[in-house]
Amino acid sequence: MINFIAETSQFIPIEKLGLPLKQTRQFRRVNDAFVESLTEELLKEPCGSYGCLFVVAKDIEKKETFNLAKKDAYEYEVLGGTHLMLATK
């Protein structure tokens, strides 16, 4: 079961996002050619419609200890949307 911390999407600073240390936590492996094509697309159409990222906050063991007001202070692992995250960096 997925536990969401907010009912709406949240914007997280790109520098706070990274790949999981364990590849098994990613939804799929990184395809470098796909990252390159996404990077080109982002440069051509920066205001385009892109999918959201699915992340987990590092060092947070329980949902109740996450403080949404301090979301920009946490570091995150990107589980889904890794290609888009890498293309934006």
PDB file of N, CA and C in Angstrom:
ATOM      1  N   MET A   1       0.831  -1.175   0.000  1.00  0.00           N
ATOM      2  CA  MET A   1       0.000   0.000   0.000  1.00  0.00           C
ATOM      3  C   MET A   1       0.881   1.245   0.000  1.00  0.00           C
ATOM      4  N   ILE A   2       0.561   2.200  -0.831  1.00  0.00           N
ATOM      5  CA  ILE A   2       1.315   3.453  -0.917  1.00  0.00           C
ATOM      6  C   ILE A   2       0.701   4.466   0.042  1.00  0.00           C
ATOM      7  N   ASN A   3       1.533   5.126   0.814  1.00  0.00           N
ATOM      8  CA  ASN A   3       1.084   6.165   1.732  1.00  0.00           C
ATOM      9  C   ASN A   3       1.536   7.520   1.212  1.00  0.00           C
ATOM     10  N   PHE A   4       0.586   8.351   0.861  1.00  0.00           N
ATOM     11  CA  PHE A   4       0.906   9.691   0.387  1.00  0.00           C
ATOM     12  C   PHE A   4       0.970  10.657   1.567  1.00  0.00           C
ATOM     13  N   ILE A   5       1.835  11.656   1.451  1.00  0.00           N
ATOM     14  CA  ILE A   5       1.974  12.632   2.541  1.00  0.00           C
ATOM     15  C   ILE A   5       1.173  13.895   2.286  1.00  0.00           C
ATOM     16  N   ALA A   6       0.646  14.026   1.075  1.00  0.00           N
ATOM     17  CA  ALA A   6      -0.164  15.197   0.743  1.00  0.00           C
ATOM     18  C   ALA A   6      -1.169  14.799  -0.330  1.00  0.00           C
ATOM     19  N   GLU A   7      -2.280  15.491  -0.356  1.00  0.00           N
ATOM     20  CA  GLU A   7      -3.315  15.185  -1.338  1.00  0.00           C
ATOM     21  C   GLU A   7      -3.029  15.798  -2.702  1.00  0.00           C
ATOM     22  N   THR A   8      -2.086  16.725  -2.765  1.00  0.00           N
ATOM     23  CA  THR A   8      -1.730  17.369  -4.024  1.00  0.00           C
ATOM     24  C   THR A   8      -0.255  17.122  -4.323  1.00  0.00           C
ATOM     25  N   SER A   9       0.132  17.365  -5.563  1.00  0.00           N
ATOM     26  CA  SER A   9       1.536  17.246  -5.947  1.00  0.00           C
ATOM     27  C   SER A   9       2.365  18.276  -5.198  1.00  0.00           C
ATOM     28  N   GLN A  10       3.617  17.937  -4.940  1.00  0.00           N
ATOM     29  CA  GLN A  10       4.530  18.842  -4.254  1.00  0.00           C
ATOM     30  C   GLN A  10       5.746  19.079  -5.142  1.00  0.00           C
ATOM     31  N   PHE A  11       6.247  20.297  -5.151  1.00  0.00           N
ATOM     32  CA  PHE A  11       7.451  20.613  -5.898  1.00  0.00           C
ATOM     33  C   PHE A  11       8.647  20.483  -4.969  1.00  0.00           C
ATOM     34  N   ILE A  12       9.624  19.689  -5.397  1.00  0.00           N
ATOM     35  CA  ILE A  12      10.828  19.436  -4.615  1.00  0.00           C
ATOM     36  C   ILE A  12      12.019  19.958  -5.417  1.00  0.00           C
ATOM     37  N   PRO A  13      12.938  20.684  -4.800  1.00  0.00           N
ATOM     38  CA  PRO A  13      14.110  21.181  -5.533  1.00  0.00           C
ATOM     39  C   PRO A  13      14.877  20.024  -6.178  1.00  0.00           C
ATOM     40  N   ILE A  14      15.245  20.190  -7.436  1.00  0.00           N
ATOM     41  CA  ILE A  14      15.900  19.123  -8.198  1.00  0.00           C
ATOM     42  C   ILE A  14      17.188  18.638  -7.529  1.00  0.00           C
ATOM     43  N   GLU A  15      17.886  19.544  -6.850  1.00  0.00           N
ATOM     44  CA  GLU A  15      19.134  19.135  -6.207  1.00  0.00           C
ATOM     45  C   GLU A  15      18.907  18.203  -5.014  1.00  0.00           C
ATOM     46  N   LYS A  16      17.672  18.081  -4.555  1.00  0.00           N
ATOM     47  CA  LYS A  16      17.335  17.184  -3.445  1.00  0.00           C
ATOM     48  C   LYS A  16      16.989  15.776  -3.924  1.00  0.00           C
ATOM     49  N   LEU A  17      16.988  15.559  -5.244  1.00  0.00           N
ATOM     50  CA  LEU A  17      16.600  14.280  -5.824  1.00  0.00           C
ATOM     51  C   LEU A  17      17.810  13.484  -6.271  1.00  0.00           C
ATOM     52  N   GLY A  18      17.752  12.174  -6.057  1.00  0.00           N
ATOM     53  CA  GLY A  18      18.835  11.305  -6.508  1.00  0.00           C
ATOM     54  C   GLY A  18      18.319   9.906  -6.763  1.00  0.00           C
ATOM     55  N   LEU A  19      19.161   9.102  -7.361  1.00  0.00           N
ATOM     56  CA  LEU A  19      18.812   7.710  -7.609  1.00  0.00           C
ATOM     57  C   LEU A  19      18.925   6.913  -6.307  1.00  0.00           C
ATOM     58  N   PRO A  20      18.121   5.870  -6.170  1.00  0.00           N
ATOM     59  CA  PRO A  20      18.249   5.013  -4.990  1.00  0.00           C
ATOM     60  C   PRO A  20      19.615   4.337  -4.963  1.00  0.00           C
ATOM     61  N   LEU A  21      20.144   4.122  -3.779  1.00  0.00           N
ATOM     62  CA  LEU A  21      21.418   3.419  -3.659  1.00  0.00           C
ATOM     63  C   LEU A  21      21.282   1.979  -4.148  1.00  0.00           C
ATOM     64  N   LYS A  22      20.109   1.393  -3.942  1.00  0.00           N
ATOM     65  CA  LYS A  22      19.847   0.026  -4.402  1.00  0.00           C
ATOM     66  C   LYS A  22      19.027   0.088  -5.686  1.00  0.00           C
ATOM     67  N   GLN A  23      19.557  -0.458  -6.782  1.00  0.00           N
ATOM     68  CA  GLN A  23      18.834  -0.424  -8.053  1.00  0.00           C
ATOM     69  C   GLN A  23      17.499  -1.163  -7.968  1.00  0.00           C
ATOM     70  N   THR A  24      17.378  -2.093  -7.059  1.00  0.00           N
ATOM     71  CA  THR A  24      16.130  -2.854  -6.942  1.00  0.00           C
ATOM     72  C   THR A  24      14.969  -1.974  -6.486  1.00  0.00           C
ATOM     73  N   ARG A  25      15.255  -0.785  -5.970  1.00  0.00           N
ATOM     74  CA  ARG A  25      14.192   0.123  -5.537  1.00  0.00           C
ATOM     75  C   ARG A  25      13.633   0.955  -6.684  1.00  0.00           C
ATOM     76  N   GLN A  26      14.326   0.974  -7.834  1.00  0.00           N
ATOM     77  CA  GLN A  26      13.840   1.719  -8.989  1.00  0.00           C
ATOM     78  C   GLN A  26      12.744   0.926  -9.686  1.00  0.00           C
ATOM     79  N   PHE A  27      11.795   1.645 -10.300  1.00  0.00           N
ATOM     80  CA  PHE A  27      10.751   0.984 -11.065  1.00  0.00           C
ATOM     81  C   PHE A  27      11.329   0.304 -12.300  1.00  0.00           C
ATOM     82  N   ARG A  28      12.325   0.940 -12.926  1.00  0.00           N
ATOM     83  CA  ARG A  28      13.018   0.339 -14.064  1.00  0.00           C
ATOM     84  C   ARG A  28      14.429   0.896 -14.126  1.00  0.00           C
ATOM     85  N   ARG A  29      15.311   0.167 -14.807  1.00  0.00           N
ATOM     86  CA  ARG A  29      16.710   0.594 -14.934  1.00  0.00           C
ATOM     87  C   ARG A  29      16.813   1.821 -15.829  1.00  0.00           C
ATOM     88  N   VAL A  30      17.858   2.601 -15.616  1.00  0.00           N
ATOM     89  CA  VAL A  30      18.073   3.813 -16.401  1.00  0.00           C
ATOM     90  C   VAL A  30      18.557   3.440 -17.797  1.00  0.00           C
ATOM     91  N   ASN A  31      17.901   4.010 -18.791  1.00  0.00           N
ATOM     92  CA  ASN A  31      18.281   3.855 -20.195  1.00  0.00           C
ATOM     93  C   ASN A  31      18.889   5.187 -20.630  1.00  0.00           C
ATOM     94  N   ASP A  32      20.205   5.199 -20.832  1.00  0.00           N
ATOM     95  CA  ASP A  32      20.909   6.446 -21.140  1.00  0.00           C
ATOM     96  C   ASP A  32      20.411   7.113 -22.424  1.00  0.00           C
ATOM     97  N   ALA A  33      20.060   6.318 -23.431  1.00  0.00           N
ATOM     98  CA  ALA A  33      19.553   6.889 -24.686  1.00  0.00           C
ATOM     99  C   ALA A  33      18.230   7.607 -24.450  1.00  0.00           C
ATOM    100  N   PHE A  34      17.395   7.028 -23.588  1.00  0.00           N
ATOM    101  CA  PHE A  34      16.112   7.655 -23.264  1.00  0.00           C
ATOM    102  C   PHE A  34      16.326   8.949 -22.490  1.00  0.00           C
ATOM    103  N   VAL A  35      17.278   8.970 -21.556  1.00  0.00           N
ATOM    104  CA  VAL A  35      17.598  10.191 -20.806  1.00  0.00           C
ATOM    105  C   VAL A  35      18.051  11.278 -21.775  1.00  0.00           C
ATOM    106  N   GLU A  36      18.887  10.911 -22.740  1.00  0.00           N
ATOM    107  CA  GLU A  36      19.364  11.876 -23.723  1.00  0.00           C
ATOM    108  C   GLU A  36      18.210  12.453 -24.547  1.00  0.00           C
ATOM    109  N   SER A  37      17.281  11.606 -24.976  1.00  0.00           N
ATOM    110  CA  SER A  37      16.143  12.101 -25.761  1.00  0.00           C
ATOM    111  C   SER A  37      15.225  12.981 -24.914  1.00  0.00           C
ATOM    112  N   LEU A  38      15.057  12.638 -23.643  1.00  0.00           N
ATOM    113  CA  LEU A  38      14.262  13.482 -22.750  1.00  0.00           C
ATOM    114  C   LEU A  38      14.927  14.836 -22.525  1.00  0.00           C
ATOM    115  N   THR A  39      16.241  14.836 -22.382  1.00  0.00           N
ATOM    116  CA  THR A  39      16.977  16.082 -22.202  1.00  0.00           C
ATOM    117  C   THR A  39      16.759  16.998 -23.401  1.00  0.00           C
ATOM    118  N   GLU A  40      16.849  16.436 -24.593  1.00  0.00           N
ATOM    119  CA  GLU A  40      16.606  17.223 -25.809  1.00  0.00           C
ATOM    120  C   GLU A  40      15.178  17.759 -25.836  1.00  0.00           C
ATOM    121  N   GLU A  41      14.218  16.927 -25.458  1.00  0.00           N
ATOM    122  CA  GLU A  41      12.813  17.342 -25.436  1.00  0.00           C
ATOM    123  C   GLU A  41      12.586  18.464 -24.424  1.00  0.00           C
ATOM    124  N   LEU A  42      13.205  18.356 -23.243  1.00  0.00           N
ATOM    125  CA  LEU A  42      13.075  19.397 -22.221  1.00  0.00           C
ATOM    126  C   LEU A  42      13.659  20.728 -22.710  1.00  0.00           C
ATOM    127  N   LEU A  43      14.758  20.654 -23.442  1.00  0.00           N
ATOM    128  CA  LEU A  43      15.359  21.883 -23.968  1.00  0.00           C
ATOM    129  C   LEU A  43      14.477  22.518 -25.036  1.00  0.00           C
ATOM    130  N   LYS A  44      13.833  21.702 -25.849  1.00  0.00           N
ATOM    131  CA  LYS A  44      12.946  22.209 -26.899  1.00  0.00           C
ATOM    132  C   LYS A  44      11.630  22.713 -26.328  1.00  0.00           C
ATOM    133  N   GLU A  45      11.103  22.003 -25.354  1.00  0.00           N
ATOM    134  CA  GLU A  45       9.763  22.285 -24.823  1.00  0.00           C
ATOM    135  C   GLU A  45       9.786  22.267 -23.290  1.00  0.00           C
ATOM    136  N   PRO A  46      10.433  23.273 -22.656  1.00  0.00           N
ATOM    137  CA  PRO A  46      10.565  23.253 -21.194  1.00  0.00           C
ATOM    138  C   PRO A  46       9.236  23.344 -20.445  1.00  0.00           C
ATOM    139  N   CYS A  47       8.218  23.865 -21.072  1.00  0.00           N
ATOM    140  CA  CYS A  47       6.914  23.986 -20.416  1.00  0.00           C
ATOM    141  C   CYS A  47       5.981  22.842 -20.795  1.00  0.00           C
ATOM    142  N   GLY A  48       6.529  21.792 -21.350  1.00  0.00           N
ATOM    143  CA  GLY A  48       5.713  20.652 -21.769  1.00  0.00           C
ATOM    144  C   GLY A  48       5.081  19.934 -20.588  1.00  0.00           C
ATOM    145  N   SER A  49       4.256  18.984 -20.899  1.00  0.00           N
ATOM    146  CA  SER A  49       3.581  18.190 -19.881  1.00  0.00           C
ATOM    147  C   SER A  49       4.392  16.920 -19.633  1.00  0.00           C
ATOM    148  N   TYR A  50       4.970  16.827 -18.457  1.00  0.00           N
ATOM    149  CA  TYR A  50       5.813  15.696 -18.115  1.00  0.00           C
ATOM    150  C   TYR A  50       5.241  14.991 -16.888  1.00  0.00           C
ATOM    151  N   GLY A  51       5.468  13.703 -16.805  1.00  0.00           N
ATOM    152  CA  GLY A  51       4.932  12.919 -15.695  1.00  0.00           C
ATOM    153  C   GLY A  51       5.548  13.294 -14.363  1.00  0.00           C
ATOM    154  N   CYS A  52       4.864  12.931 -13.313  1.00  0.00           N
ATOM    155  CA  CYS A  52       5.368  13.230 -11.972  1.00  0.00           C
ATOM    156  C   CYS A  52       6.368  12.168 -11.534  1.00  0.00           C
ATOM    157  N   LEU A  53       7.167  12.506 -10.550  1.00  0.00           N
ATOM    158  CA  LEU A  53       8.131  11.587  -9.977  1.00  0.00           C
ATOM    159  C   LEU A  53       7.532  10.954  -8.730  1.00  0.00           C
ATOM    160  N   PHE A  54       7.897   9.724  -8.493  1.00  0.00           N
ATOM    161  CA  PHE A  54       7.514   9.053  -7.264  1.00  0.00           C
ATOM    162  C   PHE A  54       8.768   8.908  -6.427  1.00  0.00           C
ATOM    163  N   VAL A  55       8.740   9.499  -5.244  1.00  0.00           N
ATOM    164  CA  VAL A  55       9.942   9.580  -4.420  1.00  0.00           C
ATOM    165  C   VAL A  55       9.678   9.042  -3.012  1.00  0.00           C
ATOM    166  N   VAL A  56      10.778   8.749  -2.352  1.00  0.00           N
ATOM    167  CA  VAL A  56      10.738   8.398  -0.936  1.00  0.00           C
ATOM    168  C   VAL A  56      11.776   9.284  -0.247  1.00  0.00           C
ATOM    169  N   ALA A  57      11.391   9.845   0.899  1.00  0.00           N
ATOM    170  CA  ALA A  57      12.313  10.694   1.661  1.00  0.00           C
ATOM    171  C   ALA A  57      13.321   9.805   2.388  1.00  0.00           C
ATOM    172  N   LYS A  58      14.590  10.144   2.238  1.00  0.00           N
ATOM    173  CA  LYS A  58      15.638   9.370   2.904  1.00  0.00           C
ATOM    174  C   LYS A  58      15.582   9.605   4.409  1.00  0.00           C
ATOM    175  N   ASP A  59      15.936   8.591   5.148  1.00  0.00           N
ATOM    176  CA  ASP A  59      16.049   8.649   6.608  1.00  0.00           C
ATOM    177  C   ASP A  59      14.724   8.913   7.315  1.00  0.00           C
ATOM    178  N   ILE A  60      13.612   8.720   6.627  1.00  0.00           N
ATOM    179  CA  ILE A  60      12.296   8.828   7.261  1.00  0.00           C
ATOM    180  C   ILE A  60      11.722   7.416   7.335  1.00  0.00           C
ATOM    181  N   GLU A  61      11.529   6.935   8.544  1.00  0.00           N
ATOM    182  CA  GLU A  61      11.075   5.557   8.702  1.00  0.00           C
ATOM    183  C   GLU A  61       9.561   5.435   8.813  1.00  0.00           C
ATOM    184  N   LYS A  62       8.904   6.503   9.246  1.00  0.00           N
ATOM    185  CA  LYS A  62       7.447   6.464   9.397  1.00  0.00           C
ATOM    186  C   LYS A  62       6.840   7.726   8.791  1.00  0.00           C
ATOM    187  N   LYS A  63       5.697   7.556   8.189  1.00  0.00           N
ATOM    188  CA  LYS A  63       4.991   8.679   7.574  1.00  0.00           C
ATOM    189  C   LYS A  63       4.759   9.799   8.583  1.00  0.00           C
ATOM    190  N   GLU A  64       4.482   9.456   9.804  1.00  0.00           N
ATOM    191  CA  GLU A  64       4.163  10.440  10.838  1.00  0.00           C
ATOM    192  C   GLU A  64       5.348  11.352  11.186  1.00  0.00           C
ATOM    193  N   THR A  65       6.567  10.926  10.888  1.00  0.00           N
ATOM    194  CA  THR A  65       7.730  11.756  11.217  1.00  0.00           C
ATOM    195  C   THR A  65       8.079  12.732  10.096  1.00  0.00           C
ATOM    196  N   PHE A  66       7.438  12.599   8.936  1.00  0.00           N
ATOM    197  CA  PHE A  66       7.678  13.518   7.819  1.00  0.00           C
ATOM    198  C   PHE A  66       6.942  14.821   8.076  1.00  0.00           C
ATOM    199  N   ASN A  67       7.642  15.948   7.907  1.00  0.00           N
ATOM    200  CA  ASN A  67       7.050  17.263   8.114  1.00  0.00           C
ATOM    201  C   ASN A  67       6.956  17.955   6.754  1.00  0.00           C
ATOM    202  N   LEU A  68       5.747  18.057   6.214  1.00  0.00           N
ATOM    203  CA  LEU A  68       5.543  18.647   4.895  1.00  0.00           C
ATOM    204  C   LEU A  68       6.069  20.076   4.818  1.00  0.00           C
ATOM    205  N   ALA A  69       5.995  20.810   5.894  1.00  0.00           N
ATOM    206  CA  ALA A  69       6.486  22.192   5.904  1.00  0.00           C
ATOM    207  C   ALA A  69       8.001  22.260   5.695  1.00  0.00           C
ATOM    208  N   LYS A  70       8.700  21.168   5.973  1.00  0.00           N
ATOM    209  CA  LYS A  70      10.160  21.118   5.824  1.00  0.00           C
ATOM    210  C   LYS A  70      10.576  20.242   4.642  1.00  0.00           C
ATOM    211  N   LYS A  71       9.671  20.050   3.680  1.00  0.00           N
ATOM    212  CA  LYS A  71       9.936  19.114   2.582  1.00  0.00           C
ATOM    213  C   LYS A  71      11.184  19.451   1.783  1.00  0.00           C
ATOM    214  N   ASP A  72      11.542  20.727   1.684  1.00  0.00           N
ATOM    215  CA  ASP A  72      12.721  21.118   0.912  1.00  0.00           C
ATOM    216  C   ASP A  72      14.029  20.795   1.630  1.00  0.00           C
ATOM    217  N   ALA A  73      13.966  20.444   2.895  1.00  0.00           N
ATOM    218  CA  ALA A  73      15.169  20.121   3.656  1.00  0.00           C
ATOM    219  C   ALA A  73      15.562  18.649   3.532  1.00  0.00           C
ATOM    220  N   TYR A  74      14.633  17.802   3.133  1.00  0.00           N
ATOM    221  CA  TYR A  74      14.908  16.370   3.021  1.00  0.00           C
ATOM    222  C   TYR A  74      15.646  16.048   1.725  1.00  0.00           C
ATOM    223  N   GLU A  75      16.302  14.904   1.711  1.00  0.00           N
ATOM    224  CA  GLU A  75      16.880  14.319   0.496  1.00  0.00           C
ATOM    225  C   GLU A  75      15.936  13.192   0.081  1.00  0.00           C
ATOM    226  N   TYR A  76      15.800  12.974  -1.233  1.00  0.00           N
ATOM    227  CA  TYR A  76      14.837  12.008  -1.747  1.00  0.00           C
ATOM    228  C   TYR A  76      15.485  11.035  -2.721  1.00  0.00           C
ATOM    229  N   GLU A  77      14.972   9.806  -2.731  1.00  0.00           N
ATOM    230  CA  GLU A  77      15.321   8.821  -3.751  1.00  0.00           C
ATOM    231  C   GLU A  77      14.157   8.775  -4.730  1.00  0.00           C
ATOM    232  N   VAL A  78      14.475   8.847  -6.016  1.00  0.00           N
ATOM    233  CA  VAL A  78      13.446   8.789  -7.047  1.00  0.00           C
ATOM    234  C   VAL A  78      13.237   7.331  -7.428  1.00  0.00           C
ATOM    235  N   LEU A  79      12.020   6.826  -7.186  1.00  0.00           N
ATOM    236  CA  LEU A  79      11.699   5.438  -7.492  1.00  0.00           C
ATOM    237  C   LEU A  79      11.091   5.307  -8.883  1.00  0.00           C
ATOM    238  N   GLY A  80      10.266   6.252  -9.243  1.00  0.00           N
ATOM    239  CA  GLY A  80       9.629   6.283 -10.564  1.00  0.00           C
ATOM    240  C   GLY A  80       9.791   7.662 -11.156  1.00  0.00           C
ATOM    241  N   GLY A  81      10.247   7.710 -12.396  1.00  0.00           N
ATOM    242  CA  GLY A  81      10.521   8.995 -13.024  1.00  0.00           C
ATOM    243  C   GLY A  81      12.000   9.305 -13.041  1.00  0.00           C
ATOM    244  N   THR A  82      12.823   8.258 -12.888  1.00  0.00           N
ATOM    245  CA  THR A  82      14.269   8.467 -12.830  1.00  0.00           C
ATOM    246  C   THR A  82      14.805   9.096 -14.105  1.00  0.00           C
ATOM    247  N   HIS A  83      14.273   8.719 -15.251  1.00  0.00           N
ATOM    248  CA  HIS A  83      14.763   9.271 -16.513  1.00  0.00           C
ATOM    249  C   HIS A  83      14.502  10.773 -16.589  1.00  0.00           C
ATOM    250  N   LEU A  84      13.307  11.175 -16.215  1.00  0.00           N
ATOM    251  CA  LEU A  84      12.950  12.597 -16.232  1.00  0.00           C
ATOM    252  C   LEU A  84      13.815  13.371 -15.241  1.00  0.00           C
ATOM    253  N   MET A  85      14.020  12.810 -14.055  1.00  0.00           N
ATOM    254  CA  MET A  85      14.851  13.466 -13.042  1.00  0.00           C
ATOM    255  C   MET A  85      16.260  13.662 -13.565  1.00  0.00           C
ATOM    256  N   LEU A  86      16.855  12.632 -14.175  1.00  0.00           N
ATOM    257  CA  LEU A  86      18.208  12.740 -14.701  1.00  0.00           C
ATOM    258  C   LEU A  86      18.292  13.725 -15.856  1.00  0.00           C
ATOM    259  N   ALA A  87      17.252  13.766 -16.682  1.00  0.00           N
ATOM    260  CA  ALA A  87      17.242  14.681 -17.827  1.00  0.00           C
ATOM    261  C   ALA A  87      17.173  16.143 -17.381  1.00  0.00           C
ATOM    262  N   THR A  88      16.569  16.402 -16.235  1.00  0.00           N
ATOM    263  CA  THR A  88      16.439  17.785 -15.772  1.00  0.00           C
ATOM    264  C   THR A  88      17.707  18.287 -15.075  1.00  0.00           C
ATOM    265  N   LYS A  89      18.555  17.382 -14.669  1.00  0.00           N
ATOM    266  CA  LYS A  89      19.776  17.805 -13.939  1.00  0.00           C
ATOM    267  C   LYS A  89      20.771  18.377 -14.862  1.00  0.00           C
TER     268      LYS A  89
END
